[in-house]
């Protein structure tokens, strides 16, 4: 549960408008992000091995950063579609 708490804290710092939830399936921890952008509901998820978080304390920040970048890509897709 400590990993989920760390991920939640970092996620709220990076994207306070997004809700974050988790699912555990054996050793796999999946982080789900849900947010709204320009009136559209968006979702993104990322799965990692729990043991990887335990091995590398910096992985929490790296995973949140990666998710935020991917969320930006999704938002850019909406922006680009609006220009067509």
Protein backbone atom coordinates (compact mmCIF):
# COMPACT_ATOMS: atom_id res chain seq x y z
CA UNK A 1 0.00 0.00 0.00
CA UNK A 2 2.94 2.35 0.55
CA UNK A 3 3.76 2.34 -3.17
CA UNK A 4 0.20 3.35 -4.07
CA UNK A 5 0.35 6.16 -1.51
CA UNK A 6 3.63 7.47 -2.96
CA UNK A 7 2.27 7.27 -6.50
CA UNK A 8 -0.92 9.08 -5.47
CA UNK A 9 1.01 11.91 -3.79
CA UNK A 10 3.24 12.40 -6.84
CA UNK A 11 0.30 12.14 -9.24
CA UNK A 12 -1.64 14.82 -7.35
CA UNK A 13 1.36 17.12 -7.52
CA UNK A 14 1.73 16.60 -11.26
CA UNK A 15 -1.93 16.53 -12.36
CA UNK A 16 -4.25 17.55 -9.52
CA UNK A 17 -7.31 17.45 -11.79
CA UNK A 18 -6.87 13.73 -12.50
CA UNK A 19 -8.19 10.92 -10.36
CA UNK A 20 -5.88 7.97 -9.80
CA UNK A 21 -6.75 4.41 -8.83
CA UNK A 22 -4.87 1.13 -8.66
CA UNK A 23 -5.38 -2.57 -9.32
CA UNK A 24 -3.12 -5.36 -8.12
CA UNK A 25 -2.86 -8.62 -10.01
CA UNK A 26 -0.20 -10.76 -8.43
CA UNK A 27 3.07 -8.87 -8.80
CA UNK A 28 1.61 -6.37 -11.30
CA UNK A 29 0.45 -2.97 -10.10
CA UNK A 30 -1.62 -1.00 -12.60
CA UNK A 31 -2.15 2.72 -12.17
CA UNK A 32 -5.24 4.21 -13.83
CA UNK A 33 -5.60 7.93 -14.53
CA UNK A 34 -8.96 9.51 -15.37
CA UNK A 35 -9.42 13.18 -16.24
CA UNK A 36 -11.34 15.57 -18.45
CA UNK A 37 -9.81 17.66 -21.21
CA UNK A 38 -11.82 20.13 -23.28
CA UNK A 39 -15.06 18.38 -22.42
CA UNK A 40 -13.79 14.87 -23.18
CA UNK A 41 -13.27 12.15 -20.59
CA UNK A 42 -9.85 10.56 -20.96
CA UNK A 43 -8.15 7.58 -19.36
CA UNK A 44 -4.61 6.28 -19.30
CA UNK A 45 -3.12 3.29 -17.51
CA UNK A 46 0.36 2.03 -16.79
CA UNK A 47 1.34 -1.38 -15.38
CA UNK A 48 4.61 -2.15 -13.63
CA UNK A 49 5.96 -4.92 -11.45
CA UNK A 50 5.64 -4.07 -7.76
CA UNK A 51 9.13 -5.40 -7.12
CA UNK A 52 10.55 -2.83 -9.56
CA UNK A 53 9.18 -0.03 -7.37
CA UNK A 54 10.72 -1.69 -4.32
CA UNK A 55 14.13 -2.03 -6.01
CA UNK A 56 14.33 1.56 -7.25
CA UNK A 57 12.88 4.37 -5.10
CA UNK A 58 13.18 6.84 -7.98
CA UNK A 59 10.85 4.75 -10.11
CA UNK A 60 7.76 6.35 -8.55
CA UNK A 61 8.67 9.76 -9.91
CA UNK A 62 9.78 8.32 -13.25
CA UNK A 63 6.50 6.45 -13.76
CA UNK A 64 4.42 9.52 -12.86
CA UNK A 65 6.51 11.66 -15.23
CA UNK A 66 6.05 9.12 -18.02
CA UNK A 67 2.29 8.98 -17.43
CA UNK A 68 2.02 12.78 -17.50
CA UNK A 69 3.89 12.86 -20.82
CA UNK A 70 1.56 10.24 -22.29
CA UNK A 71 -1.46 12.16 -21.02
CA UNK A 72 -0.13 15.23 -22.82
CA UNK A 73 0.13 13.19 -26.02
CA UNK A 74 -3.54 12.21 -25.69
CA UNK A 75 -4.50 15.85 -25.14
CA UNK A 76 -2.44 16.91 -28.17
CA UNK A 77 -4.41 14.39 -30.23
CA UNK A 78 -7.62 16.13 -29.22
CA UNK A 79 -6.13 19.52 -30.07
CA UNK A 80 -4.90 18.28 -33.46
CA UNK A 81 -8.26 16.72 -34.28
CA UNK A 82 -9.98 20.05 -33.53
CA UNK A 83 -7.77 21.77 -36.14
CA UNK A 84 -8.90 19.48 -38.97
